[in-house]
Amino acid sequence: MLSIIETGGKQYLIKEGDKIKVEKLEGKEGDKINFDHVLLVENERNIEIGKPYLKNYIVEGEITKVGRLRKVIVFRYHNKTRYRKTKGHRQWYSEVKINKIK
């Protein structure tokens, strides 16, 4: 059973048992979480597409890890003016294990 969910402004193709990294969610490690923005569900040759979301489906998951991704370097440069600015950014994320699509 495949599904496409939306969280944090991004879409993820998932199935039961997958682990995905999403934008940081409210909650701690071990907390249960439900995704109700389900865009598509495919089960045994039936494909249901939401307009924009499917109302009768919920994806259940569990937060397994909360952390920060690798550093991304942001570099600004203006030529002929000696302007150079370097900045780093580490984005927070939550790793979610998908338990059930129902």
PDB file of N, CA and C in Angstrom:
ATOM      1  N   MET A   1       0.843  -1.172   0.000  1.00  0.00           N
ATOM      2  CA  MET A   1       0.000   0.000   0.000  1.00  0.00           C
ATOM      3  C   MET A   1       0.893   1.242   0.000  1.00  0.00           C
ATOM      4  N   LEU A   2       0.782   2.050  -1.024  1.00  0.00           N
ATOM      5  CA  LEU A   2       1.549   3.281  -1.157  1.00  0.00           C
ATOM      6  C   LEU A   2       0.665   4.476  -0.856  1.00  0.00           C
ATOM      7  N   SER A   3       1.299   5.563  -0.444  1.00  0.00           N
ATOM      8  CA  SER A   3       0.563   6.781  -0.161  1.00  0.00           C
ATOM      9  C   SER A   3       1.485   7.976  -0.388  1.00  0.00           C
ATOM     10  N   ILE A   4       0.882   9.108  -0.689  1.00  0.00           N
ATOM     11  CA  ILE A   4       1.613  10.365  -0.779  1.00  0.00           C
ATOM     12  C   ILE A   4       1.009  11.298   0.255  1.00  0.00           C
ATOM     13  N   ILE A   5       1.871  11.800   1.158  1.00  0.00           N
ATOM     14  CA  ILE A   5       1.403  12.729   2.186  1.00  0.00           C
ATOM     15  C   ILE A   5       2.107  14.067   2.006  1.00  0.00           C
ATOM     16  N   GLU A   6       1.527  15.087   2.614  1.00  0.00           N
ATOM     17  CA  GLU A   6       2.110  16.424   2.580  1.00  0.00           C
ATOM     18  C   GLU A   6       2.349  16.884   4.009  1.00  0.00           C
ATOM     19  N   THR A   7       3.577  17.309   4.288  1.00  0.00           N
ATOM     20  CA  THR A   7       3.908  17.883   5.588  1.00  0.00           C
ATOM     21  C   THR A   7       5.085  18.830   5.417  1.00  0.00           C
ATOM     22  N   GLY A   8       5.044  19.938   6.102  1.00  0.00           N
ATOM     23  CA  GLY A   8       6.132  20.908   6.012  1.00  0.00           C
ATOM     24  C   GLY A   8       6.280  21.532   4.641  1.00  0.00           C
ATOM     25  N   GLY A   9       5.208  21.560   3.858  1.00  0.00           N
ATOM     26  CA  GLY A   9       5.261  22.141   2.526  1.00  0.00           C
ATOM     27  C   GLY A   9       5.873  21.238   1.476  1.00  0.00           C
ATOM     28  N   LYS A  10       6.152  19.976   1.840  1.00  0.00           N
ATOM     29  CA  LYS A  10       6.746  19.025   0.901  1.00  0.00           C
ATOM     30  C   LYS A  10       5.876  17.782   0.829  1.00  0.00           C
ATOM     31  N   GLN A  11       6.030  17.019  -0.251  1.00  0.00           N
ATOM     32  CA  GLN A  11       5.280  15.786  -0.447  1.00  0.00           C
ATOM     33  C   GLN A  11       6.226  14.594  -0.375  1.00  0.00           C
ATOM     34  N   TYR A  12       5.740  13.502   0.241  1.00  0.00           N
ATOM     35  CA  TYR A  12       6.547  12.304   0.436  1.00  0.00           C
ATOM     36  C   TYR A  12       5.782  11.079  -0.029  1.00  0.00           C
ATOM     37  N   LEU A  13       6.433  10.223  -0.813  1.00  0.00           N
ATOM     38  CA  LEU A  13       5.880   8.937  -1.223  1.00  0.00           C
ATOM     39  C   LEU A  13       6.304   7.922  -0.176  1.00  0.00           C
ATOM     40  N   ILE A  14       5.325   7.287   0.481  1.00  0.00           N
ATOM     41  CA  ILE A  14       5.632   6.406   1.602  1.00  0.00           C
ATOM     42  C   ILE A  14       4.889   5.096   1.483  1.00  0.00           C
ATOM     43  N   LYS A  15       5.347   4.109   2.262  1.00  0.00           N
ATOM     44  CA  LYS A  15       4.617   2.866   2.479  1.00  0.00           C
ATOM     45  C   LYS A  15       4.861   2.460   3.924  1.00  0.00           C
ATOM     46  N   GLU A  16       4.125   1.489   4.413  1.00  0.00           N
ATOM     47  CA  GLU A  16       4.244   1.083   5.806  1.00  0.00           C
ATOM     48  C   GLU A  16       5.648   0.563   6.083  1.00  0.00           C
ATOM     49  N   GLY A  17       6.230   0.985   7.210  1.00  0.00           N
ATOM     50  CA  GLY A  17       7.567   0.565   7.585  1.00  0.00           C
ATOM     51  C   GLY A  17       8.667   1.509   7.155  1.00  0.00           C
ATOM     52  N   ASP A  18       8.363   2.509   6.327  1.00  0.00           N
ATOM     53  CA  ASP A  18       9.373   3.465   5.867  1.00  0.00           C
ATOM     54  C   ASP A  18       9.792   4.403   6.996  1.00  0.00           C
ATOM     55  N   LYS A  19      11.026   4.921   6.894  1.00  0.00           N
ATOM     56  CA  LYS A  19      11.507   5.981   7.758  1.00  0.00           C
ATOM     57  C   LYS A  19      11.789   7.178   6.873  1.00  0.00           C
ATOM     58  N   ILE A  20      11.199   8.330   7.209  1.00  0.00           N
ATOM     59  CA  ILE A  20      11.384   9.534   6.411  1.00  0.00           C
ATOM     60  C   ILE A  20      11.855  10.666   7.318  1.00  0.00           C
ATOM     61  N   LYS A  21      12.627  11.595   6.740  1.00  0.00           N
ATOM     62  CA  LYS A  21      13.063  12.791   7.445  1.00  0.00           C
ATOM     63  C   LYS A  21      12.209  13.947   6.941  1.00  0.00           C
ATOM     64  N   VAL A  22      11.494  14.595   7.867  1.00  0.00           N
ATOM     65  CA  VAL A  22      10.606  15.701   7.518  1.00  0.00           C
ATOM     66  C   VAL A  22      11.013  16.930   8.322  1.00  0.00           C
ATOM     67  N   GLU A  23      10.455  18.079   7.965  1.00  0.00           N
ATOM     68  CA  GLU A  23      10.677  19.288   8.745  1.00  0.00           C
ATOM     69  C   GLU A  23      10.285  19.018  10.190  1.00  0.00           C
ATOM     70  N   LYS A  24      10.910  19.701  11.126  1.00  0.00           N
ATOM     71  CA  LYS A  24      10.708  19.426  12.546  1.00  0.00           C
ATOM     72  C   LYS A  24       9.233  19.515  12.919  1.00  0.00           C
ATOM     73  N   LEU A  25       8.758  18.489  13.619  1.00  0.00           N
ATOM     74  CA  LEU A  25       7.379  18.406  14.066  1.00  0.00           C
ATOM     75  C   LEU A  25       7.312  18.628  15.569  1.00  0.00           C
ATOM     76  N   GLU A  26       6.155  19.063  16.046  1.00  0.00           N
ATOM     77  CA  GLU A  26       5.950  19.217  17.480  1.00  0.00           C
ATOM     78  C   GLU A  26       5.935  17.839  18.115  1.00  0.00           C
ATOM     79  N   GLY A  27       6.709  17.649  19.154  1.00  0.00           N
ATOM     80  CA  GLY A  27       6.743  16.370  19.838  1.00  0.00           C
ATOM     81  C   GLY A  27       8.169  15.915  20.090  1.00  0.00           C
ATOM     82  N   LYS A  28       8.270  14.878  20.937  1.00  0.00           N
ATOM     83  CA  LYS A  28       9.567  14.330  21.308  1.00  0.00           C
ATOM     84  C   LYS A  28       9.718  12.948  20.693  1.00  0.00           C
ATOM     85  N   GLU A  29      10.901  12.371  20.880  1.00  0.00           N
ATOM     86  CA  GLU A  29      11.140  11.022  20.387  1.00  0.00           C
ATOM     87  C   GLU A  29      10.205  10.053  21.098  1.00  0.00           C
ATOM     88  N   GLY A  30       9.588   9.157  20.320  1.00  0.00           N
ATOM     89  CA  GLY A  30       8.656   8.183  20.862  1.00  0.00           C
ATOM     90  C   GLY A  30       7.207   8.613  20.789  1.00  0.00           C
ATOM     91  N   ASP A  31       6.935   9.867  20.454  1.00  0.00           N
ATOM     92  CA  ASP A  31       5.553  10.344  20.353  1.00  0.00           C
ATOM     93  C   ASP A  31       4.898   9.824  19.078  1.00  0.00           C
ATOM     94  N   LYS A  32       3.605   9.534  19.167  1.00  0.00           N
ATOM     95  CA  LYS A  32       2.815   9.140  18.007  1.00  0.00           C
ATOM     96  C   LYS A  32       2.365  10.403  17.283  1.00  0.00           C
ATOM     97  N   ILE A  33       2.257  10.299  15.962  1.00  0.00           N
ATOM     98  CA  ILE A  33       1.836  11.441  15.158  1.00  0.00           C
ATOM     99  C   ILE A  33       0.961  10.949  14.017  1.00  0.00           C
ATOM    100  N   ASN A  34      -0.046  11.745  13.660  1.00  0.00           N
ATOM    101  CA  ASN A  34      -0.957  11.411  12.575  1.00  0.00           C
ATOM    102  C   ASN A  34      -0.827  12.454  11.474  1.00  0.00           C
ATOM    103  N   PHE A  35      -0.740  11.988  10.234  1.00  0.00           N
ATOM    104  CA  PHE A  35      -0.724  12.865   9.065  1.00  0.00           C
ATOM    105  C   PHE A  35      -2.093  12.762   8.400  1.00  0.00           C
ATOM    106  N   ASP A  36      -2.826  13.869   8.360  1.00  0.00           N
ATOM    107  CA  ASP A  36      -4.156  13.840   7.754  1.00  0.00           C
ATOM    108  C   ASP A  36      -4.181  14.474   6.368  1.00  0.00           C
ATOM    109  N   HIS A  37      -3.063  15.031   5.920  1.00  0.00           N
ATOM    110  CA  HIS A  37      -2.986  15.589   4.571  1.00  0.00           C
ATOM    111  C   HIS A  37      -2.501  14.495   3.618  1.00  0.00           C
ATOM    112  N   VAL A  38      -3.392  13.581   3.305  1.00  0.00           N
ATOM    113  CA  VAL A  38      -3.090  12.461   2.413  1.00  0.00           C
ATOM    114  C   VAL A  38      -3.563  12.842   1.015  1.00  0.00           C
ATOM    115  N   LEU A  39      -2.653  12.825   0.049  1.00  0.00           N
ATOM    116  CA  LEU A  39      -2.971  13.246  -1.317  1.00  0.00           C
ATOM    117  C   LEU A  39      -3.370  12.078  -2.211  1.00  0.00           C
ATOM    118  N   LEU A  40      -2.755  10.905  -2.003  1.00  0.00           N
ATOM    119  CA  LEU A  40      -2.998   9.766  -2.876  1.00  0.00           C
ATOM    120  C   LEU A  40      -2.809   8.485  -2.072  1.00  0.00           C
ATOM    121  N   VAL A  41      -3.655   7.479  -2.352  1.00  0.00           N
ATOM    122  CA  VAL A  41      -3.515   6.157  -1.747  1.00  0.00           C
ATOM    123  C   VAL A  41      -3.673   5.122  -2.841  1.00  0.00           C
ATOM    124  N   GLU A  42      -2.733   4.157  -2.892  1.00  0.00           N
ATOM    125  CA  GLU A  42      -2.797   3.056  -3.862  1.00  0.00           C
ATOM    126  C   GLU A  42      -2.797   1.761  -3.066  1.00  0.00           C
ATOM    127  N   ASN A  43      -3.863   0.977  -3.231  1.00  0.00           N
ATOM    128  CA  ASN A  43      -3.925  -0.322  -2.570  1.00  0.00           C
ATOM    129  C   ASN A  43      -4.572  -1.335  -3.499  1.00  0.00           C
ATOM    130  N   GLU A  44      -3.813  -2.363  -3.843  1.00  0.00           N
ATOM    131  CA  GLU A  44      -4.288  -3.473  -4.663  1.00  0.00           C
ATOM    132  C   GLU A  44      -5.016  -3.015  -5.931  1.00  0.00           C
ATOM    133  N   ARG A  45      -4.302  -2.292  -6.750  1.00  0.00           N
ATOM    134  CA  ARG A  45      -4.781  -1.817  -8.053  1.00  0.00           C
ATOM    135  C   ARG A  45      -5.856  -0.742  -7.985  1.00  0.00           C
ATOM    136  N   ASN A  46      -6.221  -0.281  -6.821  1.00  0.00           N
ATOM    137  CA  ASN A  46      -7.135   0.857  -6.690  1.00  0.00           C
ATOM    138  C   ASN A  46      -6.308   2.080  -6.338  1.00  0.00           C
ATOM    139  N   ILE A  47      -6.515   3.149  -7.077  1.00  0.00           N
ATOM    140  CA  ILE A  47      -5.816   4.398  -6.803  1.00  0.00           C
ATOM    141  C   ILE A  47      -6.868   5.453  -6.508  1.00  0.00           C
ATOM    142  N   GLU A  48      -6.745   6.075  -5.326  1.00  0.00           N
ATOM    143  CA  GLU A  48      -7.642   7.161  -4.951  1.00  0.00           C
ATOM    144  C   GLU A  48      -6.827   8.439  -4.875  1.00  0.00           C
ATOM    145  N   ILE A  49      -7.329   9.477  -5.529  1.00  0.00           N
ATOM    146  CA  ILE A  49      -6.649  10.762  -5.572  1.00  0.00           C
ATOM    147  C   ILE A  49      -7.547  11.790  -4.916  1.00  0.00           C
ATOM    148  N   GLY A  50      -6.986  12.574  -4.001  1.00  0.00           N
ATOM    149  CA  GLY A  50      -7.756  13.592  -3.298  1.00  0.00           C
ATOM    150  C   GLY A  50      -7.848  14.883  -4.079  1.00  0.00           C
ATOM    151  N   LYS A  51      -8.839  15.667  -3.698  1.00  0.00           N
ATOM    152  CA  LYS A  51      -9.054  16.970  -4.346  1.00  0.00           C
ATOM    153  C   LYS A  51      -9.219  18.031  -3.271  1.00  0.00           C
ATOM    154  N   PRO A  52      -8.240  18.547  -2.620  1.00  0.00           N
ATOM    155  CA  PRO A  52      -6.826  18.198  -2.687  1.00  0.00           C
ATOM    156  C   PRO A  52      -6.442  17.050  -1.750  1.00  0.00           C
ATOM    157  N   TYR A  53      -7.227  16.783  -0.685  1.00  0.00           N
ATOM    158  CA  TYR A  53      -6.861  15.742   0.267  1.00  0.00           C
ATOM    159  C   TYR A  53      -7.946  14.678   0.337  1.00  0.00           C
ATOM    160  N   LEU A  54      -7.544  13.471   0.744  1.00  0.00           N
ATOM    161  CA  LEU A  54      -8.501  12.395   0.994  1.00  0.00           C
ATOM    162  C   LEU A  54      -8.960  12.501   2.446  1.00  0.00           C
ATOM    163  N   LYS A  55     -10.273  12.517   2.652  1.00  0.00           N
ATOM    164  CA  LYS A  55     -10.810  12.749   3.989  1.00  0.00           C
ATOM    165  C   LYS A  55     -10.860  11.483   4.838  1.00  0.00           C
ATOM    166  N   ASN A  56     -10.967  10.308   4.214  1.00  0.00           N
ATOM    167  CA  ASN A  56     -11.166   9.083   4.993  1.00  0.00           C
ATOM    168  C   ASN A  56      -9.876   8.294   5.226  1.00  0.00           C
ATOM    169  N   TYR A  57      -8.708   8.892   5.017  1.00  0.00           N
ATOM    170  CA  TYR A  57      -7.433   8.214   5.243  1.00  0.00           C
ATOM    171  C   TYR A  57      -6.577   9.009   6.215  1.00  0.00           C
ATOM    172  N   ILE A  58      -5.872   8.277   7.078  1.00  0.00           N
ATOM    173  CA  ILE A  58      -4.921   8.863   8.017  1.00  0.00           C
ATOM    174  C   ILE A  58      -3.674   7.988   8.017  1.00  0.00           C
ATOM    175  N   VAL A  59      -2.512   8.613   8.054  1.00  0.00           N
ATOM    176  CA  VAL A  59      -1.255   7.890   8.146  1.00  0.00           C
ATOM    177  C   VAL A  59      -0.724   8.054   9.564  1.00  0.00           C
ATOM    178  N   GLU A  60      -0.503   6.929  10.237  1.00  0.00           N
ATOM    179  CA  GLU A  60      -0.003   6.945  11.607  1.00  0.00           C
ATOM    180  C   GLU A  60       1.502   6.697  11.597  1.00  0.00           C
ATOM    181  N   GLY A  61       2.213   7.451  12.421  1.00  0.00           N
ATOM    182  CA  GLY A  61       3.651   7.295  12.513  1.00  0.00           C
ATOM    183  C   GLY A  61       4.144   7.545  13.924  1.00  0.00           C
ATOM    184  N   GLU A  62       5.440   7.361  14.091  1.00  0.00           N
ATOM    185  CA  GLU A  62       6.072   7.561  15.396  1.00  0.00           C
ATOM    186  C   GLU A  62       7.392   8.293  15.176  1.00  0.00           C
ATOM    187  N   ILE A  63       7.636   9.327  15.978  1.00  0.00           N
ATOM    188  CA  ILE A  63       8.879  10.079  15.878  1.00  0.00           C
ATOM    189  C   ILE A  63       9.984   9.241  16.501  1.00  0.00           C
ATOM    190  N   THR A  64      10.989   8.890  15.700  1.00  0.00           N
ATOM    191  CA  THR A  64      12.078   8.063  16.200  1.00  0.00           C
ATOM    192  C   THR A  64      13.314   8.881  16.540  1.00  0.00           C
ATOM    193  N   LYS A  65      13.466  10.058  15.923  1.00  0.00           N
ATOM    194  CA  LYS A  65      14.670  10.846  16.153  1.00  0.00           C
ATOM    195  C   LYS A  65      14.393  12.300  15.814  1.00  0.00           C
ATOM    196  N   VAL A  66      14.976  13.201  16.588  1.00  0.00           N
ATOM    197  CA  VAL A  66      14.922  14.630  16.303  1.00  0.00           C
ATOM    198  C   VAL A  66      16.355  15.128  16.285  1.00  0.00           C
ATOM    199  N   GLY A  67      16.730  15.841  15.239  1.00  0.00           N
ATOM    200  CA  GLY A  67      18.108  16.293  15.132  1.00  0.00           C
ATOM    201  C   GLY A  67      18.260  17.416  14.135  1.00  0.00           C
ATOM    202  N   ARG A  68      19.507  17.626  13.736  1.00  0.00           N
ATOM    203  CA  ARG A  68      19.807  18.670  12.769  1.00  0.00           C
ATOM    204  C   ARG A  68      20.593  18.066  11.613  1.00  0.00           C
ATOM    205  N   LEU A  69      20.310  18.560  10.412  1.00  0.00           N
ATOM    206  CA  LEU A  69      20.986  18.086   9.217  1.00  0.00           C
ATOM    207  C   LEU A  69      22.389  18.678   9.129  1.00  0.00           C
ATOM    208  N   ARG A  70      23.137  18.273   8.103  1.00  0.00           N
ATOM    209  CA  ARG A  70      24.482  18.808   7.880  1.00  0.00           C
ATOM    210  C   ARG A  70      24.404  20.295   7.557  1.00  0.00           C
ATOM    211  N   LYS A  71      25.503  20.973   7.803  1.00  0.00           N
ATOM    212  CA  LYS A  71      25.549  22.413   7.586  1.00  0.00           C
ATOM    213  C   LYS A  71      25.520  22.743   6.099  1.00  0.00           C
ATOM    214  N   VAL A  72      24.721  23.740   5.760  1.00  0.00           N
ATOM    215  CA  VAL A  72      24.649  24.267   4.399  1.00  0.00           C
ATOM    216  C   VAL A  72      25.300  25.643   4.430  1.00  0.00           C
ATOM    217  N   ILE A  73      26.252  25.876   3.535  1.00  0.00           N
ATOM    218  CA  ILE A  73      26.959  27.150   3.484  1.00  0.00           C
ATOM    219  C   ILE A  73      26.219  28.103   2.551  1.00  0.00           C
ATOM    220  N   VAL A  74      25.945  29.311   3.050  1.00  0.00           N
ATOM    221  CA  VAL A  74      25.310  30.360   2.258  1.00  0.00           C
ATOM    222  C   VAL A  74      26.381  31.418   2.015  1.00  0.00           C
ATOM    223  N   PHE A  75      26.708  31.677   0.755  1.00  0.00           N
ATOM    224  CA  PHE A  75      27.789  32.604   0.413  1.00  0.00           C
ATOM    225  C   PHE A  75      27.239  33.696  -0.486  1.00  0.00           C
ATOM    226  N   ARG A  76      27.424  34.940  -0.048  1.00  0.00           N
ATOM    227  CA  ARG A  76      27.016  36.087  -0.862  1.00  0.00           C
ATOM    228  C   ARG A  76      28.262  36.802  -1.370  1.00  0.00           C
ATOM    229  N   TYR A  77      28.181  37.289  -2.601  1.00  0.00           N
ATOM    230  CA  TYR A  77      29.346  37.906  -3.227  1.00  0.00           C
ATOM    231  C   TYR A  77      28.884  38.990  -4.180  1.00  0.00           C
ATOM    232  N   HIS A  78      29.474  40.183  -4.046  1.00  0.00           N
ATOM    233  CA  HIS A  78      29.263  41.256  -5.009  1.00  0.00           C
ATOM    234  C   HIS A  78      30.626  41.569  -5.625  1.00  0.00           C
ATOM    235  N   ASN A  79      30.711  41.499  -6.915  1.00  0.00           N
ATOM    236  CA  ASN A  79      32.022  41.739  -7.529  1.00  0.00           C
ATOM    237  C   ASN A  79      32.352  43.232  -7.526  1.00  0.00           C
ATOM    238  N   LYS A  80      33.620  43.513  -7.559  1.00  0.00           N
ATOM    239  CA  LYS A  80      34.185  44.864  -7.629  1.00  0.00           C
ATOM    240  C   LYS A  80      33.949  45.705  -6.374  1.00  0.00           C
ATOM    241  N   THR A  81      33.390  45.153  -5.318  1.00  0.00           N
ATOM    242  CA  THR A  81      33.137  45.952  -4.112  1.00  0.00           C
ATOM    243  C   THR A  81      33.715  45.322  -2.847  1.00  0.00           C
ATOM    244  N   ARG A  82      34.449  44.227  -2.989  1.00  0.00           N
ATOM    245  CA  ARG A  82      35.039  43.510  -1.854  1.00  0.00           C
ATOM    246  C   ARG A  82      33.989  43.036  -0.850  1.00  0.00           C
ATOM    247  N   TYR A  83      32.823  42.713  -1.340  1.00  0.00           N
ATOM    248  CA  TYR A  83      31.754  42.230  -0.456  1.00  0.00           C
ATOM    249  C   TYR A  83      31.690  40.712  -0.526  1.00  0.00           C
ATOM    250  N   ARG A  84      31.992  40.075   0.593  1.00  0.00           N
ATOM    251  CA  ARG A  84      31.892  38.623   0.705  1.00  0.00           C
ATOM    252  C   ARG A  84      31.320  38.314   2.071  1.00  0.00           C
ATOM    253  N   LYS A  85      30.299  37.510   2.106  1.00  0.00           N
ATOM    254  CA  LYS A  85      29.693  37.156   3.383  1.00  0.00           C
ATOM    255  C   LYS A  85      29.385  35.661   3.374  1.00  0.00           C
ATOM    256  N   THR A  86      29.844  34.957   4.382  1.00  0.00           N
ATOM    257  CA  THR A  86      29.621  33.523   4.502  1.00  0.00           C
ATOM    258  C   THR A  86      28.788  33.269   5.748  1.00  0.00           C
ATOM    259  N   LYS A  87      27.783  32.409   5.589  1.00  0.00           N
ATOM    260  CA  LYS A  87      26.909  32.086   6.695  1.00  0.00           C
ATOM    261  C   LYS A  87      26.582  30.607   6.607  1.00  0.00           C
ATOM    262  N   GLY A  88      26.425  29.938   7.726  1.00  0.00           N
ATOM    263  CA  GLY A  88      26.063  28.530   7.750  1.00  0.00           C
ATOM    264  C   GLY A  88      24.683  28.341   8.350  1.00  0.00           C
ATOM    265  N   HIS A  89      24.019  27.270   7.957  1.00  0.00           N
ATOM    266  CA  HIS A  89      22.668  26.984   8.459  1.00  0.00           C
ATOM    267  C   HIS A  89      22.504  25.482   8.624  1.00  0.00           C
ATOM    268  N   ARG A  90      21.971  25.059   9.769  1.00  0.00           N
ATOM    269  CA  ARG A  90      21.658  23.648  10.009  1.00  0.00           C
ATOM    270  C   ARG A  90      20.174  23.544  10.291  1.00  0.00           C
ATOM    271  N   GLN A  91      19.451  22.828   9.440  1.00  0.00           N
ATOM    272  CA  GLN A  91      17.999  22.707   9.530  1.00  0.00           C
ATOM    273  C   GLN A  91      17.607  21.602  10.509  1.00  0.00           C
ATOM    274  N   TRP A  92      16.622  21.860  11.362  1.00  0.00           N
ATOM    275  CA  TRP A  92      16.068  20.844  12.266  1.00  0.00           C
ATOM    276  C   TRP A  92      15.211  19.874  11.473  1.00  0.00           C
ATOM    277  N   TYR A  93      15.190  18.609  11.883  1.00  0.00           N
ATOM    278  CA  TYR A  93      14.348  17.608  11.236  1.00  0.00           C
ATOM    279  C   TYR A  93      13.827  16.623  12.273  1.00  0.00           C
ATOM    280  N   SER A  94      12.782  15.914  11.889  1.00  0.00           N
ATOM    281  CA  SER A  94      12.254  14.806  12.680  1.00  0.00           C
ATOM    282  C   SER A  94      12.256  13.575  11.793  1.00  0.00           C
ATOM    283  N   GLU A  95      12.766  12.473  12.302  1.00  0.00           N
ATOM    284  CA  GLU A  95      12.709  11.213  11.568  1.00  0.00           C
ATOM    285  C   GLU A  95      11.471  10.462  12.048  1.00  0.00           C
ATOM    286  N   VAL A  96      10.610  10.081  11.102  1.00  0.00           N
ATOM    287  CA  VAL A  96       9.335   9.455  11.422  1.00  0.00           C
ATOM    288  C   VAL A  96       9.296   8.064  10.814  1.00  0.00           C
ATOM    289  N   LYS A  97       8.897   7.090  11.615  1.00  0.00           N
ATOM    290  CA  LYS A  97       8.680   5.727  11.124  1.00  0.00           C
ATOM    291  C   LYS A  97       7.189   5.571  10.863  1.00  0.00           C
ATOM    292  N   ILE A  98       6.830   5.192   9.646  1.00  0.00           N
ATOM    293  CA  ILE A  98       5.430   5.026   9.255  1.00  0.00           C
ATOM    294  C   ILE A  98       4.939   3.675   9.759  1.00  0.00           C
ATOM    295  N   ASN A  99       3.921   3.710  10.618  1.00  0.00           N
ATOM    296  CA  ASN A  99       3.389   2.468  11.182  1.00  0.00           C
ATOM    297  C   ASN A  99       2.223   1.908  10.387  1.00  0.00           C
ATOM    298  N   LYS A 100       1.260   2.770  10.048  1.00  0.00           N
ATOM    299  CA  LYS A 100       0.043   2.257   9.405  1.00  0.00           C
ATOM    300  C   LYS A 100      -0.591   3.321   8.528  1.00  0.00           C
ATOM    301  N   ILE A 101      -1.119   2.873   7.405  1.00  0.00           N
ATOM    302  CA  ILE A 101      -1.916   3.724   6.522  1.00  0.00           C
ATOM    303  C   ILE A 101      -3.339   3.196   6.584  1.00  0.00           C
ATOM    304  N   LYS A 102      -4.237   4.007   7.129  1.00  0.00           N
ATOM    305  CA  LYS A 102      -5.626   3.532   7.243  1.00  0.00           C
ATOM    306  C   LYS A 102      -6.618   4.614   6.896  1.00  0.00           C
TER     307      LYS A 102
END
